[in-house]
């Protein structure tokens, strides 16, 4: 009689242990199932080093400061390309001597900027005046998916006229290139503000 009671208790304990294992197994099995969720598209976070500037001077009739991480290459007639290999961007500088045609040069520079109106969300104009060095001009910030995000021109109104614009070697998508565009915009403003005539 005692043996039968002992076996019944043992059987009940085994059944309870088996039920606990079954419940635990179900919980573990159901916990391993992952719901597949689409990931939102995003862009890389780009951090750039603090810019260090150096003076650039050659036989051309002007000097300026530029980012020491950029690569400068001389073109014909005192034009320059300033390349940012890591950002896939280039600043194009063009020099033109003034021969009683300052109004035409100004119109051409403004026309070049406002050709981007179709793609631009906004064009901000920032006048620049430096009477001590006789440097006068305009800086344009082009917001939106335009081919260029920053442009400028400077002149002394008598002899010299310089234009600058930045282009990225990528499909224009302002959100994705905004960190690089902002970085280079600061470099362009520094270039314009440090430009001096010889």
N, C-alpha and C. Protein backbone atom coordinates (compact mmCIF):
# COMPACT_ATOMS: atom_id res chain seq x y z
N UNK A 1 0.82 -1.20 0.00
CA UNK A 1 0.00 0.00 0.00
C UNK A 1 0.86 1.24 0.00
N UNK A 2 1.90 1.24 0.83
CA UNK A 2 2.81 2.38 0.89
C UNK A 2 3.52 2.58 -0.43
N UNK A 3 3.89 1.53 -1.02
CA UNK A 3 4.59 1.64 -2.29
C UNK A 3 3.73 2.27 -3.36
N UNK A 4 2.47 1.96 -3.42
CA UNK A 4 1.56 2.52 -4.41
C UNK A 4 1.40 4.02 -4.20
N UNK A 5 1.26 4.45 -2.95
CA UNK A 5 1.14 5.87 -2.64
C UNK A 5 2.43 6.62 -3.04
N UNK A 6 3.56 6.00 -2.77
CA UNK A 6 4.84 6.61 -3.10
C UNK A 6 4.96 6.79 -4.61
N UNK A 7 4.57 5.78 -5.38
CA UNK A 7 4.66 5.85 -6.84
C UNK A 7 3.71 6.88 -7.42
N UNK A 8 2.51 7.03 -6.81
CA UNK A 8 1.55 8.05 -7.27
C UNK A 8 2.13 9.45 -7.05
N UNK A 9 2.73 9.67 -5.87
CA UNK A 9 3.34 10.99 -5.61
C UNK A 9 4.49 11.25 -6.60
N UNK A 10 5.29 10.27 -6.81
CA UNK A 10 6.41 10.39 -7.73
C UNK A 10 5.91 10.66 -9.14
N UNK A 11 4.85 10.02 -9.55
CA UNK A 11 4.25 10.20 -10.87
C UNK A 11 3.70 11.62 -11.03
N UNK A 12 3.01 12.12 -9.98
CA UNK A 12 2.49 13.50 -10.01
C UNK A 12 3.63 14.52 -10.10
N UNK A 13 4.70 14.27 -9.36
CA UNK A 13 5.84 15.20 -9.40
C UNK A 13 6.48 15.20 -10.78
N UNK A 14 6.60 14.01 -11.36
CA UNK A 14 7.18 13.92 -12.71
C UNK A 14 6.31 14.65 -13.73
N UNK A 15 4.97 14.49 -13.60
CA UNK A 15 4.04 15.15 -14.51
C UNK A 15 4.16 16.69 -14.37
N UNK A 16 4.28 17.17 -13.15
CA UNK A 16 4.41 18.62 -12.92
C UNK A 16 5.73 19.13 -13.51
N UNK A 17 6.80 18.39 -13.29
CA UNK A 17 8.11 18.78 -13.84
C UNK A 17 8.04 18.79 -15.36
N UNK A 18 7.40 17.78 -15.96
CA UNK A 18 7.26 17.71 -17.42
C UNK A 18 6.44 18.89 -17.94
N UNK A 19 5.37 19.24 -17.23
CA UNK A 19 4.55 20.38 -17.64
C UNK A 19 5.34 21.68 -17.56
N UNK A 20 6.13 21.83 -16.50
CA UNK A 20 6.98 23.02 -16.37
C UNK A 20 7.99 23.12 -17.51
N UNK A 21 8.61 21.98 -17.83
CA UNK A 21 9.54 21.97 -18.96
C UNK A 21 8.85 22.32 -20.27
N UNK A 22 7.65 21.81 -20.47
CA UNK A 22 6.90 22.11 -21.69
C UNK A 22 6.56 23.59 -21.77
N UNK A 23 6.12 24.18 -20.65
CA UNK A 23 5.80 25.61 -20.63
C UNK A 23 7.07 26.44 -20.87
N UNK A 24 8.16 26.05 -20.21
CA UNK A 24 9.43 26.75 -20.37
C UNK A 24 9.92 26.65 -21.82
N UNK A 25 9.79 25.48 -22.42
CA UNK A 25 10.18 25.29 -23.83
C UNK A 25 9.36 26.18 -24.76
N UNK A 26 8.03 26.25 -24.52
CA UNK A 26 7.17 27.11 -25.34
C UNK A 26 7.56 28.58 -25.21
N UNK A 27 7.85 28.98 -23.97
CA UNK A 27 8.26 30.38 -23.76
C UNK A 27 9.57 30.69 -24.47
N UNK A 28 10.53 29.78 -24.35
CA UNK A 28 11.80 30.00 -25.03
C UNK A 28 11.64 30.00 -26.55
N UNK A 29 10.85 29.10 -27.06
CA UNK A 29 10.63 29.01 -28.50
C UNK A 29 9.95 30.27 -29.03
N UNK A 30 8.95 30.75 -28.32
CA UNK A 30 8.23 31.94 -28.78
C UNK A 30 9.06 33.21 -28.59
N UNK A 31 9.97 33.23 -27.61
CA UNK A 31 10.80 34.41 -27.37
C UNK A 31 11.87 34.57 -28.44
N UNK A 32 12.26 33.52 -29.11
CA UNK A 32 13.30 33.60 -30.13
C UNK A 32 12.77 34.12 -31.46
N UNK A 33 11.51 34.21 -31.61
CA UNK A 33 10.93 34.66 -32.88
C UNK A 33 11.06 36.19 -32.96
N UNK A 34 11.76 36.66 -34.00
CA UNK A 34 11.93 38.10 -34.21
C UNK A 34 10.95 38.58 -35.27
N UNK A 35 10.35 39.72 -35.00
CA UNK A 35 9.53 40.34 -36.02
C UNK A 35 10.45 41.09 -36.97
N UNK A 36 10.24 40.92 -38.26
CA UNK A 36 11.05 41.60 -39.25
C UNK A 36 10.47 43.00 -39.48
N UNK A 37 11.28 44.00 -39.17
CA UNK A 37 10.84 45.38 -39.36
C UNK A 37 11.75 46.06 -40.37
N UNK A 38 11.19 46.79 -41.33
CA UNK A 38 12.05 47.49 -42.29
C UNK A 38 12.79 48.63 -41.59
N UNK A 39 14.05 48.80 -41.95
CA UNK A 39 14.84 49.87 -41.35
C UNK A 39 14.64 51.14 -42.16
N UNK A 40 14.49 52.27 -41.49
CA UNK A 40 14.34 53.52 -42.23
C UNK A 40 15.65 53.88 -42.93
N UNK A 41 15.53 54.51 -44.10
CA UNK A 41 16.74 54.92 -44.79
C UNK A 41 17.39 56.05 -44.01
N UNK A 42 18.68 56.09 -44.02
CA UNK A 42 19.41 57.11 -43.28
C UNK A 42 20.69 57.44 -43.98
N UNK A 43 21.42 58.38 -43.44
CA UNK A 43 22.68 58.83 -44.02
C UNK A 43 23.78 58.67 -42.98
N UNK A 44 24.99 58.52 -43.48
CA UNK A 44 26.12 58.40 -42.59
C UNK A 44 26.33 59.71 -41.84
N UNK A 45 26.78 59.59 -40.62
CA UNK A 45 27.16 60.79 -39.88
C UNK A 45 28.61 61.08 -40.22
N UNK A 46 28.84 62.26 -40.75
CA UNK A 46 30.17 62.63 -41.19
C UNK A 46 30.75 63.70 -40.27
N UNK A 47 31.89 63.40 -39.68
CA UNK A 47 32.59 64.37 -38.86
C UNK A 47 33.89 64.73 -39.57
N UNK A 48 34.19 66.02 -39.62
CA UNK A 48 35.38 66.48 -40.31
C UNK A 48 36.32 67.15 -39.32
N UNK A 49 37.63 67.13 -39.61
CA UNK A 49 38.58 67.74 -38.68
C UNK A 49 38.41 69.26 -38.66
N UNK A 50 38.86 69.87 -37.58
CA UNK A 50 38.84 71.32 -37.48
C UNK A 50 39.75 71.88 -38.56
N UNK A 51 39.25 72.85 -39.31
CA UNK A 51 40.00 73.40 -40.43
C UNK A 51 41.20 74.21 -39.95
N UNK A 52 42.33 74.01 -40.62
CA UNK A 52 43.53 74.81 -40.41
C UNK A 52 43.82 75.53 -41.72
N UNK A 53 44.05 76.82 -41.63
CA UNK A 53 44.19 77.63 -42.83
C UNK A 53 45.64 78.07 -43.03
N UNK A 54 46.04 78.14 -44.29
CA UNK A 54 47.37 78.61 -44.67
C UNK A 54 47.22 79.62 -45.80
N UNK A 55 48.11 80.58 -45.85
CA UNK A 55 48.08 81.60 -46.89
C UNK A 55 48.57 81.01 -48.20
N UNK A 56 47.88 81.34 -49.29
CA UNK A 56 48.29 80.89 -50.61
C UNK A 56 48.67 82.11 -51.44
N UNK A 57 49.84 82.03 -52.07
CA UNK A 57 50.30 83.14 -52.90
C UNK A 57 51.14 82.58 -54.03
N UNK A 58 50.95 83.13 -55.22
CA UNK A 58 51.79 82.81 -56.37
C UNK A 58 51.91 84.08 -57.22
N UNK A 59 52.13 83.94 -58.52
CA UNK A 59 52.33 85.13 -59.37
C UNK A 59 51.02 85.85 -59.72
N UNK A 60 49.88 85.31 -59.35
CA UNK A 60 48.59 85.94 -59.66
C UNK A 60 48.40 87.21 -58.82
N UNK A 61 47.51 88.12 -59.25
CA UNK A 61 47.39 89.43 -58.58
C UNK A 61 46.55 89.41 -57.29
N UNK A 62 46.41 88.25 -56.65
CA UNK A 62 45.67 88.19 -55.39
C UNK A 62 46.20 87.04 -54.54
N UNK A 63 45.98 87.13 -53.23
CA UNK A 63 46.33 86.08 -52.28
C UNK A 63 45.09 85.76 -51.45
N UNK A 64 45.10 84.62 -50.80
CA UNK A 64 43.98 84.23 -49.95
C UNK A 64 44.42 83.11 -49.02
N UNK A 65 43.60 82.83 -48.03
CA UNK A 65 43.84 81.70 -47.13
C UNK A 65 42.93 80.56 -47.54
N UNK A 66 43.48 79.33 -47.44
CA UNK A 66 42.70 78.14 -47.79
C UNK A 66 42.95 77.05 -46.76
N UNK A 67 42.06 76.08 -46.73
CA UNK A 67 42.17 74.93 -45.83
C UNK A 67 43.41 74.13 -46.21
N UNK A 68 44.27 73.85 -45.24
CA UNK A 68 45.51 73.13 -45.53
C UNK A 68 45.26 71.66 -45.89
N UNK A 69 44.06 71.12 -45.64
CA UNK A 69 43.75 69.74 -46.03
C UNK A 69 43.31 69.65 -47.50
N UNK A 70 42.99 70.78 -48.11
CA UNK A 70 42.55 70.78 -49.51
C UNK A 70 43.76 70.79 -50.43
N UNK A 71 43.53 70.38 -51.68
CA UNK A 71 44.59 70.31 -52.68
C UNK A 71 44.30 71.36 -53.74
N UNK A 72 45.25 72.29 -53.96
CA UNK A 72 45.04 73.36 -54.94
C UNK A 72 45.83 73.06 -56.20
N UNK A 73 45.22 73.39 -57.33
CA UNK A 73 45.86 73.18 -58.62
C UNK A 73 45.60 74.42 -59.46
N UNK A 74 46.67 74.98 -60.02
CA UNK A 74 46.54 76.17 -60.86
C UNK A 74 46.00 75.83 -62.23
N UNK A 75 45.14 76.69 -62.72
CA UNK A 75 44.60 76.56 -64.07
C UNK A 75 45.10 77.75 -64.88
N UNK A 76 44.64 77.91 -66.10
CA UNK A 76 45.10 79.03 -66.91
C UNK A 76 44.46 80.33 -66.45
N UNK A 77 45.15 81.43 -66.71
CA UNK A 77 44.67 82.79 -66.41
C UNK A 77 44.32 82.99 -64.94
N UNK A 78 45.15 82.47 -64.05
CA UNK A 78 44.98 82.63 -62.60
C UNK A 78 43.67 82.05 -62.08
N UNK A 79 43.20 81.00 -62.69
CA UNK A 79 42.08 80.24 -62.14
C UNK A 79 42.64 79.08 -61.32
N UNK A 80 41.86 78.59 -60.39
CA UNK A 80 42.31 77.51 -59.52
C UNK A 80 41.19 76.51 -59.27
N UNK A 81 41.58 75.26 -59.03
CA UNK A 81 40.65 74.27 -58.49
C UNK A 81 41.19 73.88 -57.12
N UNK A 82 40.33 73.94 -56.13
CA UNK A 82 40.69 73.53 -54.77
C UNK A 82 39.85 72.30 -54.46
N UNK A 83 40.51 71.16 -54.37
CA UNK A 83 39.82 69.87 -54.28
C UNK A 83 39.83 69.35 -52.84
N UNK A 84 38.69 68.77 -52.46
CA UNK A 84 38.52 68.09 -51.17
C UNK A 84 38.27 66.62 -51.47
N UNK A 85 39.34 65.80 -51.58
CA UNK A 85 39.17 64.40 -52.00
C UNK A 85 38.24 63.59 -51.11
N UNK A 86 38.30 63.79 -49.78
CA UNK A 86 37.46 62.99 -48.87
C UNK A 86 35.99 63.33 -49.02
N UNK A 87 35.69 64.54 -49.46
CA UNK A 87 34.30 64.98 -49.57
C UNK A 87 33.79 64.95 -51.00
N UNK A 88 34.67 64.60 -51.93
CA UNK A 88 34.32 64.57 -53.36
C UNK A 88 33.74 65.91 -53.80
N UNK A 89 34.47 66.97 -53.49
CA UNK A 89 34.02 68.32 -53.82
C UNK A 89 35.20 69.14 -54.33
N UNK A 90 34.87 70.14 -55.14
CA UNK A 90 35.88 71.05 -55.69
C UNK A 90 35.35 72.47 -55.69
N UNK A 91 36.19 73.40 -55.24
CA UNK A 91 35.91 74.83 -55.39
C UNK A 91 36.61 75.29 -56.65
N UNK A 92 35.87 75.95 -57.53
CA UNK A 92 36.44 76.50 -58.75
C UNK A 92 36.57 78.01 -58.59
N UNK A 93 37.79 78.52 -58.70
CA UNK A 93 38.04 79.96 -58.66
C UNK A 93 38.40 80.43 -60.06
N UNK A 94 37.80 81.53 -60.46
CA UNK A 94 38.06 82.12 -61.77
C UNK A 94 38.45 83.57 -61.59
N UNK A 95 39.49 83.98 -62.27
CA UNK A 95 39.94 85.37 -62.22
C UNK A 95 39.73 86.01 -63.58
N UNK A 96 39.22 87.24 -63.57
CA UNK A 96 39.07 88.02 -64.80
C UNK A 96 39.51 89.45 -64.52
N UNK A 97 40.39 89.99 -65.38
CA UNK A 97 40.73 91.40 -65.22
C UNK A 97 39.56 92.27 -65.68
N UNK A 98 39.40 93.41 -65.04
CA UNK A 98 38.31 94.33 -65.38
C UNK A 98 38.83 95.30 -66.44
N UNK A 99 38.11 95.39 -67.56
CA UNK A 99 38.44 96.33 -68.64
C UNK A 99 37.20 97.15 -68.96
N UNK A 100 36.81 98.04 -68.06
CA UNK A 100 35.60 98.86 -68.23
C UNK A 100 34.36 98.01 -68.47
N UNK A 101 34.34 96.78 -67.96
CA UNK A 101 33.20 95.89 -68.16
C UNK A 101 32.70 95.32 -66.83
N UNK A 102 32.82 96.08 -65.75
CA UNK A 102 32.43 95.58 -64.43
C UNK A 102 30.95 95.21 -64.37
N UNK A 103 30.10 95.98 -65.07
CA UNK A 103 28.66 95.66 -65.05
C UNK A 103 28.38 94.32 -65.71
N UNK A 104 29.06 94.02 -66.80
CA UNK A 104 28.88 92.72 -67.47
C UNK A 104 29.37 91.58 -66.57
N UNK A 105 30.52 91.77 -65.92
CA UNK A 105 31.05 90.73 -65.04
C UNK A 105 30.10 90.48 -63.86
N UNK A 106 29.54 91.54 -63.31
CA UNK A 106 28.58 91.39 -62.21
C UNK A 106 27.32 90.65 -62.67
N UNK A 107 26.81 91.04 -63.85
CA UNK A 107 25.61 90.36 -64.39
C UNK A 107 25.87 88.88 -64.61
N UNK A 108 27.04 88.56 -65.19
CA UNK A 108 27.38 87.15 -65.46
C UNK A 108 27.47 86.34 -64.16
N UNK A 109 28.09 86.92 -63.12
CA UNK A 109 28.22 86.21 -61.84
C UNK A 109 26.85 86.00 -61.20
N UNK A 110 25.99 87.00 -61.25
CA UNK A 110 24.65 86.86 -60.67
C UNK A 110 23.80 85.89 -61.49
N UNK A 111 23.96 85.93 -62.80
CA UNK A 111 23.21 85.01 -63.66
C UNK A 111 23.59 83.56 -63.36
N UNK A 112 24.89 83.33 -63.16
CA UNK A 112 25.35 81.98 -62.84
C UNK A 112 24.69 81.46 -61.57
N UNK A 113 24.56 82.32 -60.58
CA UNK A 113 23.93 81.91 -59.31
C UNK A 113 22.44 81.65 -59.51
N UNK A 114 21.75 82.54 -60.18
CA UNK A 114 20.30 82.42 -60.27
C UNK A 114 19.83 81.42 -61.32
N UNK A 115 20.78 80.79 -62.04
CA UNK A 115 20.40 79.65 -62.90
C UNK A 115 19.97 78.46 -62.05
N UNK A 116 20.32 78.47 -60.77
CA UNK A 116 19.98 77.35 -59.87
C UNK A 116 18.63 77.54 -59.19
N UNK A 117 17.91 78.59 -59.54
CA UNK A 117 16.62 78.88 -58.90
C UNK A 117 15.63 77.73 -59.09
N UNK A 118 15.69 77.05 -60.22
CA UNK A 118 14.75 75.96 -60.52
C UNK A 118 14.84 74.86 -59.47
N UNK A 119 16.06 74.47 -59.09
CA UNK A 119 16.25 73.38 -58.13
C UNK A 119 16.39 73.87 -56.69
N UNK A 120 16.69 75.15 -56.51
CA UNK A 120 16.97 75.67 -55.17
C UNK A 120 15.67 75.93 -54.40
N UNK A 121 15.74 75.69 -53.09
CA UNK A 121 14.63 76.05 -52.21
C UNK A 121 14.72 77.52 -51.83
N UNK A 122 15.96 78.02 -51.72
CA UNK A 122 16.16 79.40 -51.30
C UNK A 122 17.59 79.80 -51.67
N UNK A 123 17.79 81.07 -51.98
CA UNK A 123 19.12 81.61 -52.23
C UNK A 123 19.31 82.79 -51.28
N UNK A 124 20.28 82.65 -50.37
CA UNK A 124 20.56 83.70 -49.41
C UNK A 124 21.76 84.51 -49.89
N UNK A 125 21.58 85.83 -49.94
CA UNK A 125 22.66 86.72 -50.37
C UNK A 125 23.27 87.40 -49.15
N UNK A 126 24.59 87.37 -49.06
CA UNK A 126 25.30 88.04 -47.97
C UNK A 126 26.33 88.98 -48.58
N UNK A 127 26.07 90.30 -48.57
CA UNK A 127 27.05 91.25 -49.11
C UNK A 127 28.34 91.24 -48.29
N UNK A 128 29.44 91.48 -48.95
CA UNK A 128 30.74 91.55 -48.28
C UNK A 128 31.43 92.85 -48.66
N UNK A 129 31.84 93.62 -47.66
CA UNK A 129 32.51 94.89 -47.87
C UNK A 129 33.76 94.95 -47.01
N UNK A 130 34.91 95.14 -47.64
CA UNK A 130 36.17 95.31 -46.93
C UNK A 130 36.89 96.51 -47.54
N UNK A 131 36.51 97.74 -47.13
CA UNK A 131 37.09 98.93 -47.75
C UNK A 131 38.59 99.07 -47.50
N UNK A 132 39.11 98.53 -46.39
CA UNK A 132 40.55 98.63 -46.12
C UNK A 132 41.37 97.93 -47.20
N UNK A 133 40.91 96.77 -47.66
CA UNK A 133 41.62 96.03 -48.70
C UNK A 133 40.99 96.20 -50.08
N UNK A 134 39.97 97.04 -50.17
CA UNK A 134 39.26 97.29 -51.44
C UNK A 134 38.73 96.00 -52.06
N UNK A 135 38.08 95.21 -51.21
CA UNK A 135 37.46 93.96 -51.66
C UNK A 135 35.97 94.06 -51.36
N UNK A 136 35.15 93.96 -52.43
CA UNK A 136 33.69 94.07 -52.31
C UNK A 136 33.08 92.89 -53.06
N UNK A 137 32.02 92.36 -52.52
CA UNK A 137 31.43 91.22 -53.22
C UNK A 137 30.15 90.74 -52.59
N UNK A 138 29.78 89.52 -52.98
CA UNK A 138 28.54 88.90 -52.53
C UNK A 138 28.79 87.40 -52.35
N UNK A 139 28.27 86.87 -51.25
CA UNK A 139 28.33 85.42 -51.00
C UNK A 139 26.91 84.88 -51.12
N UNK A 140 26.74 83.81 -51.88
CA UNK A 140 25.42 83.20 -52.08
C UNK A 140 25.42 81.81 -51.45
N UNK A 141 24.41 81.56 -50.63
CA UNK A 141 24.18 80.21 -50.10
C UNK A 141 22.92 79.69 -50.77
N UNK A 142 23.06 78.60 -51.50
CA UNK A 142 21.96 78.01 -52.27
C UNK A 142 21.45 76.79 -51.52
N UNK A 143 20.22 76.86 -50.98
CA UNK A 143 19.63 75.74 -50.26
C UNK A 143 18.77 74.91 -51.20
N UNK A 144 18.84 73.60 -51.04
CA UNK A 144 18.04 72.70 -51.87
C UNK A 144 18.95 71.80 -52.69
N UNK A 145 18.37 71.09 -53.65
CA UNK A 145 19.10 70.10 -54.44
C UNK A 145 19.70 70.72 -55.70
N UNK A 146 20.36 71.85 -55.56
CA UNK A 146 21.01 72.51 -56.69
C UNK A 146 22.40 71.91 -56.90
N UNK A 147 22.97 72.15 -58.08
CA UNK A 147 24.29 71.60 -58.39
C UNK A 147 25.38 72.20 -57.52
N UNK A 148 25.22 73.46 -57.13
CA UNK A 148 26.19 74.11 -56.26
C UNK A 148 25.47 74.67 -55.04
N UNK A 149 26.12 74.62 -53.89
CA UNK A 149 25.49 75.09 -52.65
C UNK A 149 26.03 76.44 -52.18
N UNK A 150 27.19 76.84 -52.70
CA UNK A 150 27.79 78.11 -52.31
C UNK A 150 28.52 78.71 -53.49
N UNK A 151 28.38 80.02 -53.63
CA UNK A 151 29.07 80.77 -54.67
C UNK A 151 29.41 82.15 -54.14
N UNK A 152 30.40 82.78 -54.74
CA UNK A 152 30.70 84.16 -54.37
C UNK A 152 31.38 84.86 -55.53
N UNK A 153 31.40 86.17 -55.45
CA UNK A 153 32.27 86.98 -56.31
C UNK A 153 32.82 88.11 -55.48
N UNK A 154 34.04 88.54 -55.82
CA UNK A 154 34.66 89.70 -55.18
C UNK A 154 35.37 90.51 -56.26
N UNK A 155 35.46 91.81 -56.03
CA UNK A 155 36.09 92.71 -56.98
C UNK A 155 36.60 93.94 -56.25
N UNK A 156 37.50 94.66 -56.93
CA UNK A 156 37.87 95.98 -56.45
C UNK A 156 37.19 97.05 -57.30
N UNK A 157 36.39 96.63 -58.26
CA UNK A 157 35.60 97.47 -59.18
C UNK A 157 36.43 98.17 -60.24
N UNK A 158 37.76 98.02 -60.21
CA UNK A 158 38.61 98.74 -61.16
C UNK A 158 39.45 97.79 -62.00
N UNK A 159 40.13 96.85 -61.33
CA UNK A 159 41.09 95.99 -62.04
C UNK A 159 40.78 94.50 -61.97
N UNK A 160 40.24 94.02 -60.82
CA UNK A 160 40.18 92.58 -60.56
C UNK A 160 38.75 92.10 -60.30
N UNK A 161 38.51 90.85 -60.72
CA UNK A 161 37.20 90.21 -60.48
C UNK A 161 37.44 88.71 -60.29
N UNK A 162 37.03 88.17 -59.14
CA UNK A 162 37.21 86.74 -58.84
C UNK A 162 35.85 86.14 -58.49
N UNK A 163 35.56 84.97 -59.07
CA UNK A 163 34.34 84.23 -58.71
C UNK A 163 34.76 82.87 -58.15
N UNK A 164 33.90 82.33 -57.30
CA UNK A 164 34.15 81.01 -56.74
C UNK A 164 32.84 80.25 -56.58
N UNK A 165 32.89 78.95 -56.83
CA UNK A 165 31.71 78.10 -56.64
C UNK A 165 32.17 76.69 -56.29
N UNK A 166 31.35 76.00 -55.53
CA UNK A 166 31.68 74.64 -55.12
C UNK A 166 30.74 73.66 -55.82
N UNK A 167 31.30 72.53 -56.25
CA UNK A 167 30.51 71.46 -56.86
C UNK A 167 30.91 70.14 -56.22
N UNK A 168 29.91 69.29 -55.99
CA UNK A 168 30.13 67.96 -55.43
C UNK A 168 30.00 66.94 -56.55
N UNK A 169 30.84 65.91 -56.48
CA UNK A 169 30.79 64.83 -57.47
C UNK A 169 29.82 63.76 -56.99
N UNK A 170 28.58 64.15 -56.82
CA UNK A 170 27.53 63.25 -56.37
C UNK A 170 26.21 63.82 -56.83
N UNK A 171 25.20 62.97 -56.89
CA UNK A 171 23.86 63.44 -57.24
C UNK A 171 23.43 64.47 -56.20
N UNK A 172 22.93 65.64 -56.66
CA UNK A 172 22.54 66.66 -55.68
C UNK A 172 21.42 66.18 -54.76
N UNK A 173 21.75 65.99 -53.51
CA UNK A 173 20.78 65.64 -52.48
C UNK A 173 21.23 66.38 -51.23
N UNK A 174 20.60 67.53 -51.00
CA UNK A 174 21.08 68.45 -49.97
C UNK A 174 21.19 67.80 -48.61
N UNK A 175 20.26 66.91 -48.26
CA UNK A 175 20.30 66.28 -46.94
C UNK A 175 21.55 65.42 -46.75
N UNK A 176 21.96 64.73 -47.80
CA UNK A 176 23.10 63.82 -47.64
C UNK A 176 24.44 64.55 -47.67
N UNK A 177 24.54 65.66 -48.40
CA UNK A 177 25.82 66.36 -48.47
C UNK A 177 25.89 67.58 -47.55
N UNK A 178 24.83 67.80 -46.76
CA UNK A 178 24.78 69.00 -45.93
C UNK A 178 25.99 69.16 -45.00
N UNK A 179 26.48 68.12 -44.31
CA UNK A 179 27.66 68.34 -43.46
C UNK A 179 28.87 68.80 -44.25
N UNK A 180 29.12 68.17 -45.39
CA UNK A 180 30.27 68.57 -46.22
C UNK A 180 30.05 69.95 -46.82
N UNK A 181 28.82 70.23 -47.26
CA UNK A 181 28.52 71.55 -47.84
C UNK A 181 28.72 72.65 -46.82
N UNK A 182 28.32 72.41 -45.59
CA UNK A 182 28.50 73.40 -44.53
C UNK A 182 29.97 73.63 -44.23
N UNK A 183 30.75 72.55 -44.19
CA UNK A 183 32.19 72.64 -43.94
C UNK A 183 32.87 73.47 -45.02
N UNK A 184 32.57 73.16 -46.28
CA UNK A 184 33.22 73.86 -47.39
C UNK A 184 32.71 75.29 -47.50
N UNK A 185 31.45 75.53 -47.15
CA UNK A 185 30.93 76.90 -47.15
C UNK A 185 31.75 77.78 -46.22
N UNK A 186 32.09 77.26 -45.05
CA UNK A 186 32.93 78.02 -44.12
C UNK A 186 34.31 78.30 -44.72
N UNK A 187 34.86 77.32 -45.44
CA UNK A 187 36.16 77.52 -46.09
C UNK A 187 36.06 78.59 -47.18
N UNK A 188 34.96 78.57 -47.93
CA UNK A 188 34.78 79.56 -48.99
C UNK A 188 34.64 80.97 -48.41
N UNK A 189 33.91 81.08 -47.32
CA UNK A 189 33.78 82.40 -46.68
C UNK A 189 35.13 82.88 -46.17
N UNK A 190 35.92 81.97 -45.61
CA UNK A 190 37.26 82.34 -45.15
C UNK A 190 38.12 82.79 -46.33
N UNK A 191 38.05 82.06 -47.43
CA UNK A 191 38.81 82.42 -48.63
C UNK A 191 38.42 83.83 -49.09
N UNK A 192 37.12 84.08 -49.19
CA UNK A 192 36.63 85.38 -49.66
C UNK A 192 37.05 86.50 -48.70
N UNK A 193 36.94 86.26 -47.41
CA UNK A 193 37.23 87.31 -46.42
C UNK A 193 38.71 87.57 -46.25
N UNK A 194 39.58 86.64 -46.67
CA UNK A 194 41.02 86.85 -46.55
C UNK A 194 41.66 87.23 -47.88
N UNK A 195 40.86 87.31 -48.94
CA UNK A 195 41.40 87.64 -50.26
C UNK A 195 41.91 89.09 -50.27
N UNK A 196 43.14 89.26 -50.79
CA UNK A 196 43.76 90.58 -50.90
C UNK A 196 44.34 90.76 -52.28
N UNK A 197 44.26 91.95 -52.80
CA UNK A 197 44.87 92.26 -54.09
C UNK A 197 46.34 92.63 -53.88
N UNK A 198 47.16 92.32 -54.83
CA UNK A 198 48.59 92.67 -54.74
C UNK A 198 48.79 94.09 -55.29
